[in-house]
C-alpha cells in the first residue's frame, strides 16, 4: 500500500515542524535552506519520524525544487496518516 500526499514545504524556518493541514495539503517547516536537496532530505526525515516509518518508506515524487511537493508513503493509508497527524489548523 502506498499513499501519495501533497505537501507545502517552508524552508529556512526556526524549527522543524509539521504545521497542520491546508485542505488536502500538509504544511511542513524545515530549518535547512533549499540547496542541493537538503530541504527534501529534512522533509523525508521529519515525515518518517512523525509517522514512525523507516527512511526508505517516504520518497519525493514531484516538486524536488519547489515548495509544493508530492511524496509517496509506503505502509500507511491516508486515513492512517490523518489519525497520526490530526487536522489542526496551519
N, C-alpha and C. Protein backbone atom coordinates (compact mmCIF):
# COMPACT_ATOMS: atom_id res chain seq x y z
N UNK A 1 0.84 -1.18 0.00
CA UNK A 1 0.00 0.00 0.00
C UNK A 1 0.88 1.24 0.00
N UNK A 2 0.62 2.14 -0.92
CA UNK A 2 1.37 3.40 -1.00
C UNK A 2 0.36 4.53 -1.11
N UNK A 3 0.62 5.60 -0.39
CA UNK A 3 -0.25 6.76 -0.38
C UNK A 3 0.51 7.97 -0.88
N UNK A 4 -0.10 8.71 -1.77
CA UNK A 4 0.51 9.96 -2.23
C UNK A 4 -0.08 11.11 -1.44
N UNK A 5 0.80 12.01 -1.03
CA UNK A 5 0.42 13.12 -0.17
C UNK A 5 1.01 14.41 -0.71
N UNK A 6 0.18 15.45 -0.78
CA UNK A 6 0.66 16.76 -1.22
C UNK A 6 1.21 17.51 -0.01
N UNK A 7 2.34 18.19 -0.22
CA UNK A 7 2.99 18.95 0.84
C UNK A 7 3.24 20.38 0.38
N UNK A 8 3.20 21.29 1.34
CA UNK A 8 3.72 22.63 1.13
C UNK A 8 4.86 22.77 2.13
N UNK A 9 6.07 22.95 1.62
CA UNK A 9 7.27 22.99 2.45
C UNK A 9 7.76 24.42 2.57
N UNK A 10 7.99 24.84 3.80
CA UNK A 10 8.54 26.17 4.07
C UNK A 10 9.97 25.95 4.59
N UNK A 11 10.98 26.24 3.77
CA UNK A 11 12.37 26.03 4.20
C UNK A 11 12.90 27.20 5.02
N UNK A 12 14.05 26.99 5.63
CA UNK A 12 14.77 28.02 6.39
C UNK A 12 13.94 28.61 7.52
N UNK A 13 13.20 27.76 8.22
CA UNK A 13 12.40 28.19 9.38
C UNK A 13 13.22 28.01 10.66
N UNK A 14 12.68 28.47 11.76
CA UNK A 14 13.39 28.38 13.02
C UNK A 14 13.33 26.98 13.63
N UNK A 15 12.43 26.13 13.14
CA UNK A 15 12.31 24.77 13.69
C UNK A 15 11.76 23.82 12.63
N UNK A 16 12.00 22.54 12.84
CA UNK A 16 11.39 21.51 12.02
C UNK A 16 10.04 21.17 12.64
N UNK A 17 8.98 21.28 11.87
CA UNK A 17 7.65 21.03 12.42
C UNK A 17 6.65 20.72 11.32
N UNK A 18 5.67 19.92 11.69
CA UNK A 18 4.51 19.73 10.84
C UNK A 18 3.46 20.70 11.36
N UNK A 19 3.10 21.68 10.53
CA UNK A 19 2.24 22.78 10.97
C UNK A 19 0.77 22.45 10.93
N UNK A 20 0.38 21.48 10.14
CA UNK A 20 -1.02 21.11 10.03
C UNK A 20 -1.44 20.99 8.57
N UNK A 21 -2.74 20.99 8.37
CA UNK A 21 -3.30 20.75 7.04
C UNK A 21 -3.90 22.01 6.47
N UNK A 22 -3.69 22.23 5.19
CA UNK A 22 -4.36 23.25 4.40
C UNK A 22 -5.19 22.48 3.37
N UNK A 23 -6.45 22.26 3.68
CA UNK A 23 -7.32 21.40 2.87
C UNK A 23 -6.70 20.00 2.79
N UNK A 24 -6.27 19.58 1.59
CA UNK A 24 -5.68 18.25 1.43
C UNK A 24 -4.16 18.28 1.37
N UNK A 25 -3.57 19.40 1.75
CA UNK A 25 -2.12 19.58 1.69
C UNK A 25 -1.55 19.71 3.09
N UNK A 26 -0.48 18.97 3.37
CA UNK A 26 0.18 19.03 4.66
C UNK A 26 1.27 20.09 4.62
N UNK A 27 1.25 21.00 5.59
CA UNK A 27 2.24 22.08 5.64
C UNK A 27 3.37 21.67 6.58
N UNK A 28 4.60 21.77 6.08
CA UNK A 28 5.78 21.35 6.82
C UNK A 28 6.82 22.47 6.82
N UNK A 29 7.43 22.70 7.98
CA UNK A 29 8.51 23.67 8.11
C UNK A 29 9.80 22.90 8.39
N UNK A 30 10.88 23.31 7.72
CA UNK A 30 12.20 22.72 7.98
C UNK A 30 13.22 23.84 8.17
N UNK A 31 14.25 23.56 8.94
CA UNK A 31 15.24 24.58 9.27
C UNK A 31 16.26 24.81 8.17
N UNK A 32 16.48 23.84 7.32
CA UNK A 32 17.53 23.95 6.31
C UNK A 32 17.08 24.73 5.09
N UNK A 33 18.04 25.31 4.41
CA UNK A 33 17.77 26.05 3.18
C UNK A 33 17.58 25.07 2.03
N UNK A 34 16.84 25.48 1.00
CA UNK A 34 16.58 24.59 -0.14
C UNK A 34 17.75 24.55 -1.12
N UNK A 35 18.86 23.98 -0.69
CA UNK A 35 20.01 23.88 -1.59
C UNK A 35 20.52 22.44 -1.62
N UNK A 36 20.78 21.97 -2.83
CA UNK A 36 21.33 20.63 -3.07
C UNK A 36 20.51 19.51 -2.40
N UNK A 37 19.20 19.67 -2.35
CA UNK A 37 18.33 18.61 -1.83
C UNK A 37 18.27 18.50 -0.32
N UNK A 38 18.89 19.44 0.40
CA UNK A 38 18.90 19.36 1.86
C UNK A 38 17.49 19.48 2.45
N UNK A 39 16.68 20.37 1.91
CA UNK A 39 15.32 20.53 2.42
C UNK A 39 14.49 19.27 2.17
N UNK A 40 14.66 18.64 1.01
CA UNK A 40 13.94 17.40 0.72
C UNK A 40 14.31 16.31 1.71
N UNK A 41 15.59 16.19 2.01
CA UNK A 41 16.04 15.18 2.98
C UNK A 41 15.45 15.47 4.36
N UNK A 42 15.39 16.75 4.74
CA UNK A 42 14.81 17.11 6.03
C UNK A 42 13.32 16.79 6.08
N UNK A 43 12.62 17.01 4.98
CA UNK A 43 11.19 16.71 4.90
C UNK A 43 10.97 15.21 5.07
N UNK A 44 11.73 14.41 4.35
CA UNK A 44 11.60 12.96 4.44
C UNK A 44 11.89 12.49 5.87
N UNK A 45 12.96 13.00 6.46
CA UNK A 45 13.32 12.61 7.83
C UNK A 45 12.22 12.99 8.82
N UNK A 46 11.65 14.18 8.69
CA UNK A 46 10.60 14.62 9.60
C UNK A 46 9.34 13.78 9.44
N UNK A 47 8.96 13.49 8.21
CA UNK A 47 7.79 12.65 7.99
C UNK A 47 8.00 11.25 8.55
N UNK A 48 9.17 10.67 8.32
CA UNK A 48 9.46 9.33 8.83
C UNK A 48 9.38 9.31 10.36
N UNK A 49 9.98 10.29 10.99
CA UNK A 49 9.96 10.36 12.46
C UNK A 49 8.53 10.53 12.97
N UNK A 50 7.78 11.44 12.37
CA UNK A 50 6.42 11.73 12.82
C UNK A 50 5.46 10.58 12.59
N UNK A 51 5.67 9.84 11.51
CA UNK A 51 4.77 8.73 11.17
C UNK A 51 5.27 7.38 11.67
N UNK A 52 6.46 7.34 12.26
CA UNK A 52 7.02 6.09 12.77
C UNK A 52 7.41 5.12 11.67
N UNK A 53 7.99 5.64 10.60
CA UNK A 53 8.36 4.82 9.45
C UNK A 53 9.87 4.78 9.25
N UNK A 54 10.33 3.77 8.52
CA UNK A 54 11.72 3.69 8.10
C UNK A 54 11.98 4.73 7.02
N UNK A 55 13.22 5.17 6.90
CA UNK A 55 13.58 6.24 5.96
C UNK A 55 13.25 5.88 4.51
N UNK A 56 13.33 4.63 4.14
CA UNK A 56 13.05 4.25 2.74
C UNK A 56 11.55 4.13 2.45
N UNK A 57 10.69 4.44 3.43
CA UNK A 57 9.24 4.37 3.24
C UNK A 57 8.65 5.65 2.68
N UNK A 58 9.43 6.74 2.64
CA UNK A 58 8.94 8.03 2.15
C UNK A 58 9.88 8.53 1.06
N UNK A 59 9.32 8.95 -0.06
CA UNK A 59 10.14 9.50 -1.14
C UNK A 59 9.40 10.63 -1.84
N UNK A 60 10.17 11.60 -2.30
CA UNK A 60 9.62 12.73 -3.03
C UNK A 60 9.41 12.30 -4.49
N UNK A 61 8.17 12.40 -4.96
CA UNK A 61 7.86 12.03 -6.35
C UNK A 61 7.93 13.23 -7.28
N UNK A 62 7.36 14.36 -6.83
CA UNK A 62 7.33 15.56 -7.66
C UNK A 62 7.64 16.78 -6.81
N UNK A 63 8.21 17.79 -7.45
CA UNK A 63 8.45 19.05 -6.79
C UNK A 63 9.77 19.13 -6.05
N UNK A 64 10.78 18.44 -6.53
CA UNK A 64 12.07 18.44 -5.83
C UNK A 64 12.66 19.82 -5.67
N UNK A 65 12.35 20.74 -6.58
CA UNK A 65 12.90 22.09 -6.48
C UNK A 65 11.81 23.12 -6.20
N UNK A 66 10.67 22.67 -5.72
CA UNK A 66 9.52 23.54 -5.47
C UNK A 66 9.06 23.42 -4.02
N UNK A 67 8.35 24.43 -3.53
CA UNK A 67 7.75 24.33 -2.20
C UNK A 67 6.59 23.33 -2.21
N UNK A 68 5.91 23.21 -3.33
CA UNK A 68 4.80 22.27 -3.45
C UNK A 68 5.35 20.93 -3.92
N UNK A 69 5.15 19.89 -3.12
CA UNK A 69 5.71 18.58 -3.41
C UNK A 69 4.63 17.51 -3.33
N UNK A 70 4.91 16.38 -3.93
CA UNK A 70 4.11 15.18 -3.76
C UNK A 70 5.06 14.10 -3.28
N UNK A 71 4.71 13.49 -2.14
CA UNK A 71 5.51 12.39 -1.62
C UNK A 71 4.69 11.12 -1.66
N UNK A 72 5.38 10.00 -1.73
CA UNK A 72 4.75 8.70 -1.65
C UNK A 72 5.17 8.05 -0.35
N UNK A 73 4.19 7.56 0.39
CA UNK A 73 4.43 6.96 1.70
C UNK A 73 3.98 5.51 1.66
N UNK A 74 4.91 4.59 1.90
CA UNK A 74 4.59 3.16 1.91
C UNK A 74 4.16 2.74 3.31
N UNK A 75 3.14 1.90 3.37
CA UNK A 75 2.75 1.27 4.62
C UNK A 75 1.63 1.94 5.40
N UNK A 76 1.17 3.11 4.96
CA UNK A 76 0.08 3.79 5.65
C UNK A 76 -0.95 4.28 4.63
N UNK A 77 -2.22 4.19 5.02
CA UNK A 77 -3.27 4.76 4.20
C UNK A 77 -3.42 6.23 4.56
N UNK A 78 -4.18 6.96 3.75
CA UNK A 78 -4.43 8.36 4.05
C UNK A 78 -5.17 8.50 5.38
N UNK A 79 -6.08 7.58 5.66
CA UNK A 79 -6.80 7.60 6.94
C UNK A 79 -5.83 7.41 8.11
N UNK A 80 -4.86 6.51 7.95
CA UNK A 80 -3.85 6.31 9.00
C UNK A 80 -3.05 7.58 9.23
N UNK A 81 -2.68 8.24 8.14
CA UNK A 81 -1.88 9.48 8.25
C UNK A 81 -2.68 10.55 8.98
N UNK A 82 -3.97 10.67 8.67
CA UNK A 82 -4.81 11.66 9.33
C UNK A 82 -4.99 11.34 10.83
N UNK A 83 -4.98 10.08 11.19
CA UNK A 83 -5.08 9.71 12.61
C UNK A 83 -3.80 10.12 13.36
N UNK A 84 -2.66 9.92 12.71
CA UNK A 84 -1.36 10.24 13.34
C UNK A 84 -1.12 11.74 13.34
N UNK A 85 -1.47 12.41 12.25
CA UNK A 85 -1.26 13.86 12.12
C UNK A 85 -2.64 14.52 12.02
N UNK A 86 -3.23 14.86 13.16
CA UNK A 86 -4.61 15.39 13.16
C UNK A 86 -4.75 16.66 12.32
N UNK A 87 -5.97 16.92 11.92
CA UNK A 87 -6.28 18.08 11.07
C UNK A 87 -6.34 19.36 11.89
N UNK A 88 -5.21 19.75 12.43
CA UNK A 88 -5.14 21.02 13.14
C UNK A 88 -4.95 22.14 12.14
N UNK A 89 -5.30 23.31 12.49
CA UNK A 89 -5.14 24.46 11.60
C UNK A 89 -3.68 24.77 11.37
N UNK A 90 -3.37 25.30 10.23
CA UNK A 90 -1.98 25.61 9.89
C UNK A 90 -1.72 27.09 9.96
